[in-house]
Amino acid sequence: MKLIVRWLLLAAALLLVANIYPGVTVASFASALIAALVLGLLNTLVRPLLVLLTLPVTLLTLGLFLFVINALMFWSAASLLEGFEVAGFAAALIGSLIYSACGMVIDIAVERLFARE
């Protein structure tokens, strides 16, 4: 149940990003659900490999290159899906920052909500 609630909230966060920032567009809530799923899969499967391969650059930039990796994951998900559009790399960077901030808030809220049970 916790996973489904988190998925729905992350899809809503993606819609929020599209409403806040004009460089990101989401066609519908169904598109947001699919995009949240694809983003989760990319972050689970591809991101660790990219972090490992770019470890020297990440260390040189004191971790700031992780923002670039997040933006690449965001941009990749948009390129794979219809109904989820990102205008360019700058839009992907800003969109991924907003989406990550929403994701942190959602994670804290979901943990508190399901910790009571």
N, C-alpha and C. Protein backbone atom coordinates (compact mmCIF):
# COMPACT_ATOMS: atom_id res chain seq x y z
N MET A 1 0.82 -1.19 0.00
CA MET A 1 0.00 0.00 0.00
C MET A 1 0.88 1.26 0.00
N LYS A 2 1.95 1.19 0.77
CA LYS A 2 2.87 2.32 0.88
C LYS A 2 3.47 2.68 -0.48
N LEU A 3 3.82 1.68 -1.27
CA LEU A 3 4.41 1.89 -2.59
C LEU A 3 3.41 2.55 -3.54
N ILE A 4 2.17 2.13 -3.48
CA ILE A 4 1.13 2.70 -4.36
C ILE A 4 0.86 4.15 -3.99
N VAL A 5 0.78 4.44 -2.71
CA VAL A 5 0.56 5.83 -2.26
C VAL A 5 1.71 6.71 -2.70
N ARG A 6 2.93 6.23 -2.54
CA ARG A 6 4.11 6.99 -2.95
C ARG A 6 4.11 7.24 -4.45
N TRP A 7 3.75 6.22 -5.23
CA TRP A 7 3.69 6.34 -6.68
C TRP A 7 2.65 7.38 -7.11
N LEU A 8 1.47 7.34 -6.50
CA LEU A 8 0.43 8.32 -6.83
C LEU A 8 0.87 9.73 -6.47
N LEU A 9 1.51 9.88 -5.31
CA LEU A 9 1.97 11.21 -4.90
C LEU A 9 3.10 11.72 -5.79
N LEU A 10 3.98 10.84 -6.23
CA LEU A 10 5.04 11.26 -7.14
C LEU A 10 4.48 11.66 -8.51
N ALA A 11 3.43 10.99 -8.94
CA ALA A 11 2.77 11.39 -10.19
C ALA A 11 2.14 12.77 -10.02
N ALA A 12 1.54 13.01 -8.87
CA ALA A 12 0.97 14.34 -8.60
C ALA A 12 2.08 15.38 -8.53
N ALA A 13 3.23 15.01 -7.99
CA ALA A 13 4.37 15.93 -7.94
C ALA A 13 4.86 16.27 -9.34
N LEU A 14 4.80 15.30 -10.23
CA LEU A 14 5.20 15.56 -11.61
C LEU A 14 4.24 16.55 -12.28
N LEU A 15 2.96 16.43 -11.97
CA LEU A 15 1.98 17.41 -12.46
C LEU A 15 2.26 18.78 -11.86
N LEU A 16 2.65 18.81 -10.60
CA LEU A 16 3.00 20.08 -9.95
C LEU A 16 4.20 20.73 -10.63
N VAL A 17 5.20 19.94 -10.96
CA VAL A 17 6.38 20.45 -11.67
C VAL A 17 5.95 21.05 -13.00
N ALA A 18 5.06 20.37 -13.70
CA ALA A 18 4.59 20.87 -15.00
C ALA A 18 3.80 22.17 -14.85
N ASN A 19 3.10 22.33 -13.74
CA ASN A 19 2.35 23.56 -13.51
C ASN A 19 3.23 24.71 -13.04
N ILE A 20 4.29 24.39 -12.30
CA ILE A 20 5.18 25.42 -11.77
C ILE A 20 6.15 25.91 -12.84
N TYR A 21 6.74 24.98 -13.57
CA TYR A 21 7.81 25.33 -14.52
C TYR A 21 7.33 25.07 -15.95
N PRO A 22 7.37 26.08 -16.81
CA PRO A 22 6.84 25.92 -18.17
C PRO A 22 7.69 25.05 -19.10
N GLY A 23 8.90 24.71 -18.73
CA GLY A 23 9.74 23.87 -19.58
C GLY A 23 9.39 22.41 -19.53
N VAL A 24 8.52 22.03 -18.59
CA VAL A 24 8.09 20.64 -18.43
C VAL A 24 6.59 20.59 -18.65
N THR A 25 6.15 19.67 -19.51
CA THR A 25 4.72 19.51 -19.73
C THR A 25 4.33 18.05 -19.56
N VAL A 26 3.17 17.86 -18.95
CA VAL A 26 2.61 16.52 -18.76
C VAL A 26 1.18 16.58 -19.29
N ALA A 27 0.83 15.65 -20.16
CA ALA A 27 -0.46 15.70 -20.83
C ALA A 27 -1.63 15.39 -19.90
N SER A 28 -1.49 14.39 -19.03
CA SER A 28 -2.60 13.98 -18.17
C SER A 28 -2.06 13.27 -16.93
N PHE A 29 -2.96 12.93 -16.03
CA PHE A 29 -2.54 12.21 -14.83
C PHE A 29 -2.05 10.81 -15.19
N ALA A 30 -2.66 10.20 -16.21
CA ALA A 30 -2.20 8.88 -16.65
C ALA A 30 -0.76 8.96 -17.18
N SER A 31 -0.48 10.02 -17.93
CA SER A 31 0.89 10.22 -18.41
C SER A 31 1.84 10.44 -17.25
N ALA A 32 1.38 11.16 -16.24
CA ALA A 32 2.21 11.40 -15.06
C ALA A 32 2.47 10.10 -14.30
N LEU A 33 1.47 9.22 -14.22
CA LEU A 33 1.66 7.92 -13.56
C LEU A 33 2.72 7.10 -14.29
N ILE A 34 2.64 7.05 -15.60
CA ILE A 34 3.60 6.28 -16.39
C ILE A 34 4.98 6.91 -16.28
N ALA A 35 5.04 8.24 -16.33
CA ALA A 35 6.33 8.93 -16.23
C ALA A 35 6.96 8.71 -14.86
N ALA A 36 6.16 8.73 -13.80
CA ALA A 36 6.70 8.48 -12.46
C ALA A 36 7.24 7.06 -12.35
N LEU A 37 6.55 6.12 -12.98
CA LEU A 37 7.02 4.73 -12.99
C LEU A 37 8.34 4.60 -13.75
N VAL A 38 8.41 5.21 -14.92
CA VAL A 38 9.63 5.14 -15.73
C VAL A 38 10.79 5.86 -15.02
N LEU A 39 10.51 7.01 -14.40
CA LEU A 39 11.55 7.70 -13.63
C LEU A 39 12.06 6.83 -12.49
N GLY A 40 11.15 6.17 -11.81
CA GLY A 40 11.56 5.27 -10.73
C GLY A 40 12.41 4.12 -11.23
N LEU A 41 12.03 3.55 -12.36
CA LEU A 41 12.81 2.45 -12.92
C LEU A 41 14.19 2.91 -13.38
N LEU A 42 14.25 4.07 -14.04
CA LEU A 42 15.54 4.60 -14.48
C LEU A 42 16.43 4.91 -13.28
N ASN A 43 15.85 5.50 -12.24
CA ASN A 43 16.64 5.83 -11.06
C ASN A 43 17.09 4.59 -10.31
N THR A 44 16.34 3.51 -10.42
CA THR A 44 16.71 2.28 -9.75
C THR A 44 17.74 1.47 -10.54
N LEU A 45 17.58 1.43 -11.85
CA LEU A 45 18.43 0.56 -12.67
C LEU A 45 19.63 1.25 -13.31
N VAL A 46 19.44 2.44 -13.86
CA VAL A 46 20.49 3.09 -14.64
C VAL A 46 21.32 4.05 -13.79
N ARG A 47 20.68 4.78 -12.90
CA ARG A 47 21.38 5.82 -12.12
C ARG A 47 22.57 5.27 -11.33
N PRO A 48 22.45 4.13 -10.63
CA PRO A 48 23.63 3.64 -9.89
C PRO A 48 24.84 3.37 -10.79
N LEU A 49 24.58 2.87 -11.99
CA LEU A 49 25.67 2.62 -12.93
C LEU A 49 26.31 3.94 -13.37
N LEU A 50 25.49 4.96 -13.65
CA LEU A 50 26.03 6.26 -14.04
C LEU A 50 26.81 6.91 -12.90
N VAL A 51 26.31 6.77 -11.69
CA VAL A 51 27.02 7.34 -10.53
C VAL A 51 28.38 6.67 -10.38
N LEU A 52 28.41 5.36 -10.55
CA LEU A 52 29.67 4.63 -10.43
C LEU A 52 30.66 5.02 -11.54
N LEU A 53 30.17 5.13 -12.76
CA LEU A 53 31.05 5.48 -13.88
C LEU A 53 31.56 6.91 -13.82
N THR A 54 30.79 7.80 -13.23
CA THR A 54 31.18 9.21 -13.16
C THR A 54 31.70 9.60 -11.78
N LEU A 55 32.11 8.63 -11.00
CA LEU A 55 32.59 8.91 -9.64
C LEU A 55 33.76 9.89 -9.61
N PRO A 56 34.75 9.80 -10.48
CA PRO A 56 35.84 10.79 -10.43
C PRO A 56 35.34 12.23 -10.67
N VAL A 57 34.45 12.40 -11.63
CA VAL A 57 33.91 13.73 -11.91
C VAL A 57 33.07 14.21 -10.73
N THR A 58 32.32 13.31 -10.15
CA THR A 58 31.49 13.66 -8.99
C THR A 58 32.35 14.10 -7.82
N LEU A 59 33.45 13.42 -7.61
CA LEU A 59 34.36 13.81 -6.52
C LEU A 59 35.02 15.15 -6.80
N LEU A 60 35.41 15.37 -8.05
CA LEU A 60 36.03 16.66 -8.41
C LEU A 60 35.08 17.84 -8.24
N THR A 61 33.82 17.61 -8.51
CA THR A 61 32.83 18.69 -8.40
C THR A 61 32.15 18.70 -7.03
N LEU A 62 32.67 17.92 -6.11
CA LEU A 62 32.13 17.83 -4.75
C LEU A 62 30.66 17.43 -4.73
N GLY A 63 30.28 16.54 -5.64
CA GLY A 63 28.93 16.00 -5.67
C GLY A 63 27.95 16.76 -6.55
N LEU A 64 28.36 17.88 -7.08
CA LEU A 64 27.44 18.67 -7.90
C LEU A 64 27.09 17.98 -9.22
N PHE A 65 27.93 17.07 -9.67
CA PHE A 65 27.64 16.35 -10.92
C PHE A 65 26.43 15.44 -10.77
N LEU A 66 26.04 15.11 -9.54
CA LEU A 66 24.85 14.30 -9.31
C LEU A 66 23.60 15.02 -9.80
N PHE A 67 23.61 16.35 -9.78
CA PHE A 67 22.49 17.11 -10.34
C PHE A 67 22.38 16.88 -11.83
N VAL A 68 23.51 16.77 -12.50
CA VAL A 68 23.53 16.51 -13.93
C VAL A 68 22.98 15.11 -14.21
N ILE A 69 23.35 14.14 -13.40
CA ILE A 69 22.85 12.78 -13.57
C ILE A 69 21.33 12.75 -13.36
N ASN A 70 20.83 13.46 -12.34
CA ASN A 70 19.38 13.53 -12.12
C ASN A 70 18.68 14.15 -13.32
N ALA A 71 19.27 15.21 -13.86
CA ALA A 71 18.67 15.86 -15.03
C ALA A 71 18.67 14.92 -16.23
N LEU A 72 19.74 14.15 -16.40
CA LEU A 72 19.79 13.19 -17.50
C LEU A 72 18.72 12.10 -17.35
N MET A 73 18.46 11.65 -16.14
CA MET A 73 17.41 10.66 -15.91
C MET A 73 16.04 11.26 -16.24
N PHE A 74 15.82 12.51 -15.83
CA PHE A 74 14.57 13.21 -16.10
C PHE A 74 14.37 13.39 -17.60
N TRP A 75 15.43 13.81 -18.28
CA TRP A 75 15.38 14.04 -19.72
C TRP A 75 15.20 12.72 -20.47
N SER A 76 15.84 11.67 -20.01
CA SER A 76 15.70 10.36 -20.64
C SER A 76 14.28 9.84 -20.55
N ALA A 77 13.66 10.00 -19.39
CA ALA A 77 12.28 9.56 -19.22
C ALA A 77 11.37 10.32 -20.17
N ALA A 78 11.61 11.61 -20.33
CA ALA A 78 10.79 12.42 -21.24
C ALA A 78 10.98 11.99 -22.69
N SER A 79 12.19 11.59 -23.04
CA SER A 79 12.43 11.18 -24.43
C SER A 79 11.83 9.80 -24.72
N LEU A 80 11.63 8.99 -23.70
CA LEU A 80 11.07 7.66 -23.89
C LEU A 80 9.55 7.67 -23.97
N LEU A 81 8.91 8.69 -23.43
CA LEU A 81 7.46 8.69 -23.27
C LEU A 81 6.77 9.75 -24.09
N GLU A 82 5.54 9.45 -24.49
CA GLU A 82 4.68 10.46 -25.08
C GLU A 82 3.81 11.02 -23.96
N GLY A 83 3.53 12.29 -24.00
CA GLY A 83 2.72 12.91 -22.97
C GLY A 83 3.54 13.51 -21.85
N PHE A 84 4.84 13.32 -21.90
CA PHE A 84 5.76 13.91 -20.92
C PHE A 84 6.89 14.55 -21.72
N GLU A 85 6.93 15.87 -21.71
CA GLU A 85 7.88 16.61 -22.54
C GLU A 85 8.77 17.50 -21.67
N VAL A 86 10.04 17.58 -22.03
CA VAL A 86 10.99 18.48 -21.38
C VAL A 86 11.65 19.28 -22.50
N ALA A 87 11.67 20.61 -22.34
CA ALA A 87 12.11 21.51 -23.41
C ALA A 87 13.60 21.39 -23.73
N GLY A 88 14.43 21.05 -22.79
CA GLY A 88 15.87 20.95 -23.03
C GLY A 88 16.57 20.55 -21.75
N PHE A 89 17.90 20.59 -21.78
CA PHE A 89 18.66 20.16 -20.61
C PHE A 89 18.44 21.09 -19.42
N ALA A 90 18.38 22.39 -19.66
CA ALA A 90 18.15 23.34 -18.56
C ALA A 90 16.79 23.08 -17.92
N ALA A 91 15.80 22.82 -18.75
CA ALA A 91 14.46 22.50 -18.22
C ALA A 91 14.49 21.19 -17.44
N ALA A 92 15.27 20.22 -17.93
CA ALA A 92 15.39 18.95 -17.22
C ALA A 92 16.08 19.15 -15.87
N LEU A 93 17.09 20.02 -15.83
CA LEU A 93 17.79 20.28 -14.58
C LEU A 93 16.87 20.94 -13.56
N ILE A 94 16.16 21.97 -13.97
CA ILE A 94 15.26 22.66 -13.04
C ILE A 94 14.09 21.76 -12.67
N GLY A 95 13.53 21.05 -13.65
CA GLY A 95 12.43 20.13 -13.36
C GLY A 95 12.83 19.02 -12.41
N SER A 96 14.04 18.48 -12.60
CA SER A 96 14.49 17.40 -11.71
C SER A 96 14.76 17.92 -10.30
N LEU A 97 15.22 19.16 -10.18
CA LEU A 97 15.42 19.73 -8.84
C LEU A 97 14.09 19.89 -8.11
N ILE A 98 13.08 20.40 -8.80
CA ILE A 98 11.76 20.56 -8.18
C ILE A 98 11.17 19.20 -7.85
N TYR A 99 11.28 18.25 -8.79
CA TYR A 99 10.75 16.91 -8.58
C TYR A 99 11.45 16.20 -7.42
N SER A 100 12.76 16.38 -7.30
CA SER A 100 13.50 15.77 -6.20
C SER A 100 13.10 16.36 -4.86
N ALA A 101 12.89 17.68 -4.82
CA ALA A 101 12.45 18.31 -3.58
C ALA A 101 11.07 17.80 -3.17
N CYS A 102 10.18 17.68 -4.15
CA CYS A 102 8.86 17.12 -3.86
C CYS A 102 8.97 15.67 -3.40
N GLY A 103 9.87 14.92 -4.03
CA GLY A 103 10.07 13.52 -3.65
C GLY A 103 10.55 13.36 -2.22
N MET A 104 11.43 14.26 -1.77
CA MET A 104 11.90 14.20 -0.38
C MET A 104 10.75 14.47 0.59
N VAL A 105 9.94 15.46 0.27
CA VAL A 105 8.78 15.77 1.13
C VAL A 105 7.81 14.60 1.15
N ILE A 106 7.57 13.99 -0.01
CA ILE A 106 6.66 12.85 -0.10
C ILE A 106 7.21 11.67 0.69
N ASP A 107 8.51 11.41 0.60
CA ASP A 107 9.11 10.30 1.35
C ASP A 107 8.93 10.49 2.85
N ILE A 108 9.17 11.69 3.34
CA ILE A 108 9.01 11.98 4.77
C ILE A 108 7.56 11.81 5.19
N ALA A 109 6.64 12.34 4.37
CA ALA A 109 5.22 12.26 4.70
C ALA A 109 4.72 10.82 4.70
N VAL A 110 5.14 10.03 3.71
CA VAL A 110 4.70 8.64 3.63
C VAL A 110 5.26 7.82 4.79
N GLU A 111 6.52 8.07 5.14
CA GLU A 111 7.10 7.36 6.28
C GLU A 111 6.37 7.69 7.58
N ARG A 112 6.02 8.94 7.77
CA ARG A 112 5.29 9.32 8.97
C ARG A 112 3.87 8.76 8.96
N LEU A 113 3.25 8.74 7.81
CA LEU A 113 1.88 8.25 7.69
C LEU A 113 1.81 6.76 7.99
N PHE A 114 2.75 5.98 7.44
CA PHE A 114 2.71 4.54 7.64
C PHE A 114 3.45 4.09 8.90
N ALA A 115 4.13 4.96 9.57
CA ALA A 115 4.78 4.60 10.83
C ALA A 115 3.77 4.51 11.96
N ARG A 116 2.65 5.20 11.82
CA ARG A 116 1.61 5.19 12.87
C ARG A 116 0.87 3.88 12.93
N GLU A 117 0.83 3.17 11.84
CA GLU A 117 0.03 1.93 11.81
C GLU A 117 0.72 0.79 12.49
